[in-house]
């Protein structure tokens, strides 16, 4: 069962300037962090997780930089769960489903939603308490993805 991010014992937080280079650094940090936690980069959930992470950080760089000079990525994991959040201080909260996410205006978010749901995970946009920012939390089950890969082979 996938637990919420607050229940996950392993955490790493990275704050970066909201510039194009942040995408590469966020992804490299994810790879190093996951490896340090014993999550193989060959695990079937990791490739999609890195793609989703890259898309979310890219969205912050493209759309939030003017109001959010920094982007914070929180990586978290438990025995059977991998999670991460991308936080910026732009007040707009994009829908992760519906016409904007599925249509031409939100193609990247449609990919995010499709990948996450396909792996049995969740994607949630959480507003900051003051309404002037948000975090997009992605939670992926590790055991299910590994089991489904074994079943296909």
Protein backbone atom coordinates (compact mmCIF):
# COMPACT_ATOMS: atom_id res chain seq x y z
CA UNK A 1 0.00 0.00 0.00
CA UNK A 2 1.31 3.45 -0.89
CA UNK A 3 1.69 5.72 2.12
CA UNK A 4 1.51 9.48 2.16
CA UNK A 5 4.78 11.43 1.94
CA UNK A 6 4.69 12.40 5.64
CA UNK A 7 5.03 8.72 6.67
CA UNK A 8 8.15 8.05 4.59
CA UNK A 9 11.31 7.74 6.71
CA UNK A 10 13.93 8.77 4.13
CA UNK A 11 14.06 12.40 2.98
CA UNK A 12 16.35 14.68 1.07
CA UNK A 13 15.56 18.33 0.27
CA UNK A 14 17.24 20.32 -2.50
CA UNK A 15 16.66 24.02 -3.21
CA UNK A 16 17.86 25.40 -6.52
CA UNK A 17 17.59 28.64 -8.47
CA UNK A 18 14.65 28.43 -10.86
CA UNK A 19 16.84 28.33 -13.98
CA UNK A 20 17.14 25.77 -16.80
CA UNK A 21 20.15 24.06 -15.19
CA UNK A 22 17.93 23.12 -12.24
CA UNK A 23 16.37 20.32 -14.29
CA UNK A 24 19.68 18.50 -14.73
CA UNK A 25 20.74 19.01 -11.11
CA UNK A 26 17.36 17.81 -9.78
CA UNK A 27 17.55 14.67 -11.90
CA UNK A 28 21.18 13.91 -10.99
CA UNK A 29 20.38 14.46 -7.32
CA UNK A 30 17.44 12.07 -7.61
CA UNK A 31 19.66 9.40 -9.17
CA UNK A 32 22.29 9.76 -6.44
CA UNK A 33 19.72 9.91 -3.64
CA UNK A 34 17.75 6.90 -4.85
CA UNK A 35 20.98 4.90 -5.22
CA UNK A 36 22.08 5.91 -1.71
CA UNK A 37 18.73 4.65 -0.43
CA UNK A 38 19.20 1.29 -2.17
CA UNK A 39 16.68 1.95 -4.93
CA UNK A 40 18.19 0.63 -8.14
CA UNK A 41 18.20 2.97 -11.10
CA UNK A 42 17.09 -0.11 -13.08
CA UNK A 43 13.89 -0.38 -11.00
CA UNK A 44 10.88 -0.03 -13.34
CA UNK A 45 9.50 2.96 -11.40
CA UNK A 46 12.73 4.99 -11.49
CA UNK A 47 12.86 5.84 -15.21
CA UNK A 48 9.30 7.19 -15.25
CA UNK A 49 9.94 8.96 -11.93
CA UNK A 50 12.95 10.76 -13.41
CA UNK A 51 10.93 11.77 -16.48
CA UNK A 52 8.11 13.12 -14.29
CA UNK A 53 10.59 14.96 -12.06
CA UNK A 54 12.22 16.54 -15.11
CA UNK A 55 8.85 17.66 -16.46
CA UNK A 56 7.77 19.21 -13.16
CA UNK A 57 11.04 21.09 -12.64
CA UNK A 58 10.90 22.25 -16.28
CA UNK A 59 7.39 23.59 -15.64
CA UNK A 60 8.64 25.56 -12.63
CA UNK A 61 11.49 26.99 -14.72
CA UNK A 62 9.20 27.91 -17.62
CA UNK A 63 6.17 29.17 -15.75
CA UNK A 64 7.08 30.10 -12.18
CA UNK A 65 10.55 31.66 -12.32
CA UNK A 66 9.23 35.22 -12.53
CA UNK A 67 7.55 34.86 -9.11
CA UNK A 68 9.67 32.07 -7.66
CA UNK A 69 13.44 32.58 -7.83
CA UNK A 70 13.92 29.21 -6.11
CA UNK A 71 12.46 25.76 -6.62
CA UNK A 72 12.60 23.15 -3.89
CA UNK A 73 12.56 19.43 -4.56
CA UNK A 74 11.79 17.03 -1.74
CA UNK A 75 12.72 13.40 -2.30
CA UNK A 76 11.24 10.77 0.04
CA UNK A 77 11.11 7.00 0.23
CA UNK A 78 10.00 4.11 2.35
CA UNK A 79 10.31 0.36 2.01
CA UNK A 80 7.71 0.16 -0.76
CA UNK A 81 7.19 3.80 -1.78
CA UNK A 82 9.07 6.47 -3.69
CA UNK A 83 7.85 10.07 -3.56
CA UNK A 84 9.02 13.51 -4.54
CA UNK A 85 7.62 17.00 -4.65
CA UNK A 86 8.49 20.05 -6.70
CA UNK A 87 7.67 23.30 -4.94
CA UNK A 88 7.64 26.86 -6.26
CA UNK A 89 6.13 30.12 -5.09
CA UNK A 90 3.92 30.79 -8.11
CA UNK A 91 0.25 30.79 -7.05
CA UNK A 92 -1.13 29.01 -10.13
CA UNK A 93 -2.06 25.40 -9.38
CA UNK A 94 -2.20 23.43 -12.62
CA UNK A 95 -4.80 20.70 -12.93
CA UNK A 96 -3.26 17.24 -13.24
CA UNK A 97 -6.35 15.86 -14.93
CA UNK A 98 -9.12 17.22 -17.07
CA UNK A 99 -9.01 19.29 -20.24
CA UNK A 100 -5.89 21.37 -19.53
CA UNK A 101 -3.77 18.40 -18.50
CA UNK A 102 -5.07 16.18 -21.30
CA UNK A 103 -5.18 18.79 -24.06
CA UNK A 104 -2.63 20.83 -25.94
CA UNK A 105 -2.28 23.39 -23.14
CA UNK A 106 -0.92 20.87 -20.65
CA UNK A 107 0.68 18.10 -22.68
CA UNK A 108 3.51 17.63 -20.21
CA UNK A 109 1.11 17.34 -17.32
CA UNK A 110 -0.92 14.77 -19.26
CA UNK A 111 2.28 12.73 -19.59
CA UNK A 112 2.96 13.13 -15.87
CA UNK A 113 -0.53 11.95 -14.96
CA UNK A 114 -0.46 9.04 -17.42
CA UNK A 115 2.91 7.77 -16.20
CA UNK A 116 2.07 8.12 -12.53
CA UNK A 117 -1.36 6.51 -12.75
CA UNK A 118 0.01 3.76 -15.01
CA UNK A 119 2.39 2.79 -12.23
CA UNK A 120 -0.37 2.85 -9.62
CA UNK A 121 0.85 6.10 -8.08
CA UNK A 122 -0.70 9.41 -7.16
CA UNK A 123 -0.16 13.00 -8.26
CA UNK A 124 -1.44 15.81 -6.07
CA UNK A 125 -1.09 19.60 -6.19
CA UNK A 126 -0.95 21.02 -2.67
CA UNK A 127 -1.21 24.79 -2.18
CA UNK A 128 0.98 26.61 0.32
CA UNK A 129 -0.89 27.79 3.40
CA UNK A 130 -0.70 31.40 2.19
CA UNK A 131 -1.95 30.50 -1.30
CA UNK A 132 1.13 31.97 -2.97
CA UNK A 133 2.82 28.75 -3.98
CA UNK A 134 2.31 25.05 -4.41
CA UNK A 135 3.93 21.64 -4.34
CA UNK A 136 3.24 18.91 -6.84
CA UNK A 137 3.64 15.61 -4.96
CA UNK A 138 4.22 12.38 -6.83
CA UNK A 139 4.02 9.07 -4.99
CA UNK A 140 4.91 5.77 -6.68
CA UNK A 141 4.70 2.25 -5.30
CA UNK A 142 8.01 0.43 -5.63
CA UNK A 143 6.84 -3.14 -5.05
CA UNK A 144 3.99 -3.08 -7.54
CA UNK A 145 6.15 -1.76 -10.38
CA UNK A 146 8.78 -4.44 -9.77
CA UNK A 147 6.12 -7.19 -9.57
CA UNK A 148 4.45 -6.05 -12.82
CA UNK A 149 7.79 -6.05 -14.63
CA UNK A 150 8.51 -9.62 -13.47
CA UNK A 151 5.04 -10.70 -14.61
CA UNK A 152 5.64 -9.31 -18.13
CA UNK A 153 8.93 -11.19 -18.57
